[in-house]
Amino acid sequence: MESIKNWWAEASSRDQLAIVILGIAIAIYTLYVGVLSSFTDMRVEQERRVEAQKNAYERVKNLAAELDSIQNGNDFNDGGSSVEKNVQSSIAQNGLRVSGFDASGRSGIRVRFETVDYEKLLAWLYDLEISQGLRLKDVTIAGLSDPGLVSASVLIQKN
């Protein structure tokens, strides 16, 4: 330690000033890297989280509006005939061929398919439940020997 003191005393004032400035710069840099940059990283992470929450909120708001429109827009007060018409038009829109269609009042509508494309069937079921607000009470699907084709029976009811 004594040798450092001697060296400092023998150094010119310009060298001493340069060393002090360099020491201050190193201290500031260490403070920035150690403390301030972690705050900056935390701020960026919080901004990302807020943006994700905003996106999730918008999705929930859209789904709630869709659900509300389904519940209010598909109010079947005129009995089963409206439900039957909706199901029949949905079958036609999805390009499906029905092998059996039984409307049985309170228990709902049973639709049977002997041979149907699996993906078209799923799209139709999605349309019934999500877009039209109907309830799928009983769905039975059996695979056939041809890939992608199934036989199915679906019991549909009003919500």
Protein backbone atom coordinates (compact mmCIF):
# COMPACT_ATOMS: atom_id res chain seq x y z
CA MET A 1 0.00 0.00 0.00
CA GLU A 2 2.90 2.31 0.75
CA SER A 3 4.22 1.87 -2.79
CA ILE A 4 0.88 2.98 -4.24
CA LYS A 5 0.93 6.12 -2.05
CA ASN A 6 4.46 6.91 -3.22
CA TRP A 7 3.55 6.38 -6.85
CA TRP A 8 0.48 8.65 -6.45
CA ALA A 9 2.59 11.37 -4.79
CA GLU A 10 5.18 11.21 -7.57
CA ALA A 11 2.58 11.24 -10.39
CA SER A 12 1.89 14.51 -12.14
CA SER A 13 -1.35 16.33 -11.46
CA ARG A 14 -2.47 15.61 -15.04
CA ASP A 15 -2.00 11.82 -14.49
CA GLN A 16 -3.80 12.02 -11.15
CA LEU A 17 -6.74 13.84 -12.79
CA ALA A 18 -6.91 11.24 -15.59
CA ILE A 19 -6.94 8.38 -13.07
CA VAL A 20 -9.69 10.03 -11.00
CA ILE A 21 -11.82 10.63 -14.12
CA LEU A 22 -11.24 7.06 -15.27
CA GLY A 23 -12.23 5.76 -11.82
CA ILE A 24 -15.44 7.79 -11.88
CA ALA A 25 -16.24 6.53 -15.40
CA ILE A 26 -15.70 2.92 -14.32
CA ALA A 27 -17.92 3.46 -11.26
CA ILE A 28 -20.70 4.98 -13.39
CA TYR A 29 -20.45 2.19 -15.97
CA THR A 30 -20.57 -0.46 -13.22
CA LEU A 31 -23.61 1.24 -11.69
CA TYR A 32 -25.34 1.36 -15.10
CA VAL A 33 -24.60 -2.24 -16.00
CA GLY A 34 -25.40 -3.58 -12.56
CA VAL A 35 -28.48 -1.60 -11.65
CA LEU A 36 -29.94 0.59 -14.36
CA SER A 37 -29.85 -1.95 -17.19
CA SER A 38 -31.72 -4.46 -15.04
CA PHE A 39 -34.42 -1.81 -14.48
CA THR A 40 -34.57 -1.22 -18.22
CA ASP A 41 -34.93 -4.97 -18.85
CA MET A 42 -37.70 -5.17 -16.24
CA ARG A 43 -39.49 -2.23 -17.90
CA VAL A 44 -39.32 -3.89 -21.32
CA GLU A 45 -40.64 -7.15 -19.82
CA GLN A 46 -43.51 -5.29 -18.15
CA GLU A 47 -44.39 -3.56 -21.43
CA ARG A 48 -44.46 -6.97 -23.15
CA ARG A 49 -46.74 -8.35 -20.43
CA VAL A 50 -49.09 -5.37 -20.67
CA GLU A 51 -49.31 -5.83 -24.44
CA ALA A 52 -50.08 -9.54 -23.98
CA GLN A 53 -52.78 -8.69 -21.43
CA LYS A 54 -54.31 -6.15 -23.83
CA ASN A 55 -54.41 -8.77 -26.58
CA ALA A 56 -55.97 -11.33 -24.24
CA TYR A 57 -58.54 -8.77 -23.12
CA GLU A 58 -59.48 -8.01 -26.73
CA ARG A 59 -59.88 -11.73 -27.49
CA VAL A 60 -62.09 -12.22 -24.43
CA LYS A 61 -64.13 -9.13 -25.31
CA ASN A 62 -64.65 -10.41 -28.86
CA LEU A 63 -65.60 -13.88 -27.64
CA ALA A 64 -68.03 -12.40 -25.11
CA ALA A 65 -69.66 -10.30 -27.84
CA GLU A 66 -69.88 -13.37 -30.06
CA LEU A 67 -71.41 -15.41 -27.26
CA ASP A 68 -73.85 -12.64 -26.48
CA SER A 69 -74.91 -12.41 -30.13
CA ILE A 70 -75.31 -16.18 -30.28
CA GLN A 71 -77.44 -16.27 -27.16
CA ASN A 72 -79.55 -13.26 -28.14
CA GLY A 73 -79.62 -13.75 -31.89
CA ASN A 74 -80.53 -17.43 -31.85
CA ASP A 75 -83.47 -17.33 -29.48
CA PHE A 76 -85.79 -20.03 -30.84
CA ASN A 77 -89.17 -19.14 -29.43
CA ASP A 78 -91.17 -20.55 -32.31
CA GLY A 79 -90.58 -24.22 -31.53
CA GLY A 80 -88.45 -26.79 -33.29
CA SER A 81 -89.20 -25.78 -36.90
CA SER A 82 -86.71 -22.90 -36.75
CA VAL A 83 -84.05 -25.20 -35.33
CA GLU A 84 -84.76 -27.74 -38.07
CA LYS A 85 -84.43 -25.06 -40.75
CA ASN A 86 -81.15 -23.85 -39.27
CA VAL A 87 -79.77 -27.38 -39.13
CA GLN A 88 -80.88 -28.18 -42.68
CA SER A 89 -79.42 -24.97 -44.08
CA SER A 90 -76.19 -25.59 -42.18
CA ILE A 91 -75.99 -29.11 -43.65
CA ALA A 92 -76.42 -27.68 -47.14
CA GLN A 93 -73.87 -24.89 -46.56
CA ASN A 94 -71.26 -27.43 -45.46
CA GLY A 95 -71.91 -29.72 -48.42
CA LEU A 96 -72.97 -32.76 -46.39
CA ARG A 97 -75.30 -35.58 -47.42
CA VAL A 98 -77.62 -36.85 -44.70
CA SER A 99 -78.79 -40.45 -44.50
CA GLY A 100 -81.35 -39.81 -41.75
CA PHE A 101 -83.03 -36.77 -40.20
CA ASP A 102 -85.46 -37.18 -37.32
CA ALA A 103 -87.03 -34.25 -35.52
CA SER A 104 -88.45 -35.46 -32.25
CA GLY A 105 -89.71 -32.36 -30.43
CA ARG A 106 -88.35 -32.16 -26.90
CA SER A 107 -85.44 -34.54 -27.35
CA GLY A 108 -84.10 -32.57 -30.33
CA ILE A 109 -83.08 -33.45 -33.86
CA ARG A 110 -81.10 -36.57 -34.71
CA VAL A 111 -79.02 -36.40 -37.88
CA ARG A 112 -77.30 -39.50 -39.29
CA PHE A 113 -74.53 -39.76 -41.85
CA GLU A 114 -73.49 -43.11 -43.35
CA THR A 115 -70.43 -41.82 -45.17
CA VAL A 116 -69.13 -38.32 -44.52
CA ASP A 117 -65.76 -36.55 -44.71
CA TYR A 118 -64.44 -36.24 -41.15
CA GLU A 119 -63.16 -32.67 -41.55
CA LYS A 120 -66.44 -31.46 -43.12
CA LEU A 121 -68.32 -33.09 -40.25
CA LEU A 122 -66.16 -31.30 -37.67
CA ALA A 123 -66.63 -27.97 -39.48
CA TRP A 124 -70.40 -28.53 -39.46
CA LEU A 125 -70.43 -29.43 -35.75
CA TYR A 126 -68.40 -26.32 -35.01
CA ASP A 127 -70.85 -24.22 -37.02
CA LEU A 128 -73.82 -25.65 -35.12
CA GLU A 129 -72.37 -25.17 -31.68
CA ILE A 130 -70.43 -21.91 -32.03
CA SER A 131 -72.14 -19.97 -34.83
CA GLN A 132 -75.72 -21.08 -34.28
CA GLY A 133 -75.63 -21.64 -30.53
CA LEU A 134 -77.11 -25.12 -30.62
CA ARG A 135 -76.15 -27.84 -28.14
CA LEU A 136 -74.71 -31.14 -29.31
CA LYS A 137 -76.30 -33.57 -26.87
CA ASP A 138 -74.93 -36.83 -28.28
CA VAL A 139 -72.29 -37.31 -30.98
CA THR A 140 -71.29 -40.78 -32.16
CA ILE A 141 -68.55 -41.08 -34.78
CA ALA A 142 -67.25 -44.36 -36.20
CA GLY A 143 -64.35 -44.69 -38.62
CA LEU A 144 -64.79 -46.42 -41.97
CA SER A 145 -62.32 -48.41 -44.03
CA ASP A 146 -61.72 -45.44 -46.34
CA PRO A 147 -59.27 -42.93 -44.83
CA GLY A 148 -60.89 -39.64 -43.86
CA LEU A 149 -64.44 -40.98 -44.01
CA VAL A 150 -66.65 -41.74 -41.02
CA SER A 151 -70.23 -42.56 -40.16
CA ALA A 152 -71.87 -40.36 -37.55
CA SER A 153 -75.00 -39.76 -35.55
CA VAL A 154 -75.63 -36.40 -33.89
CA LEU A 155 -78.39 -35.37 -31.47
CA ILE A 156 -78.90 -31.59 -31.58
CA GLN A 157 -80.90 -29.54 -29.07
CA LYS A 158 -81.72 -25.91 -28.47
CA ASN A 159 -79.76 -24.22 -25.72
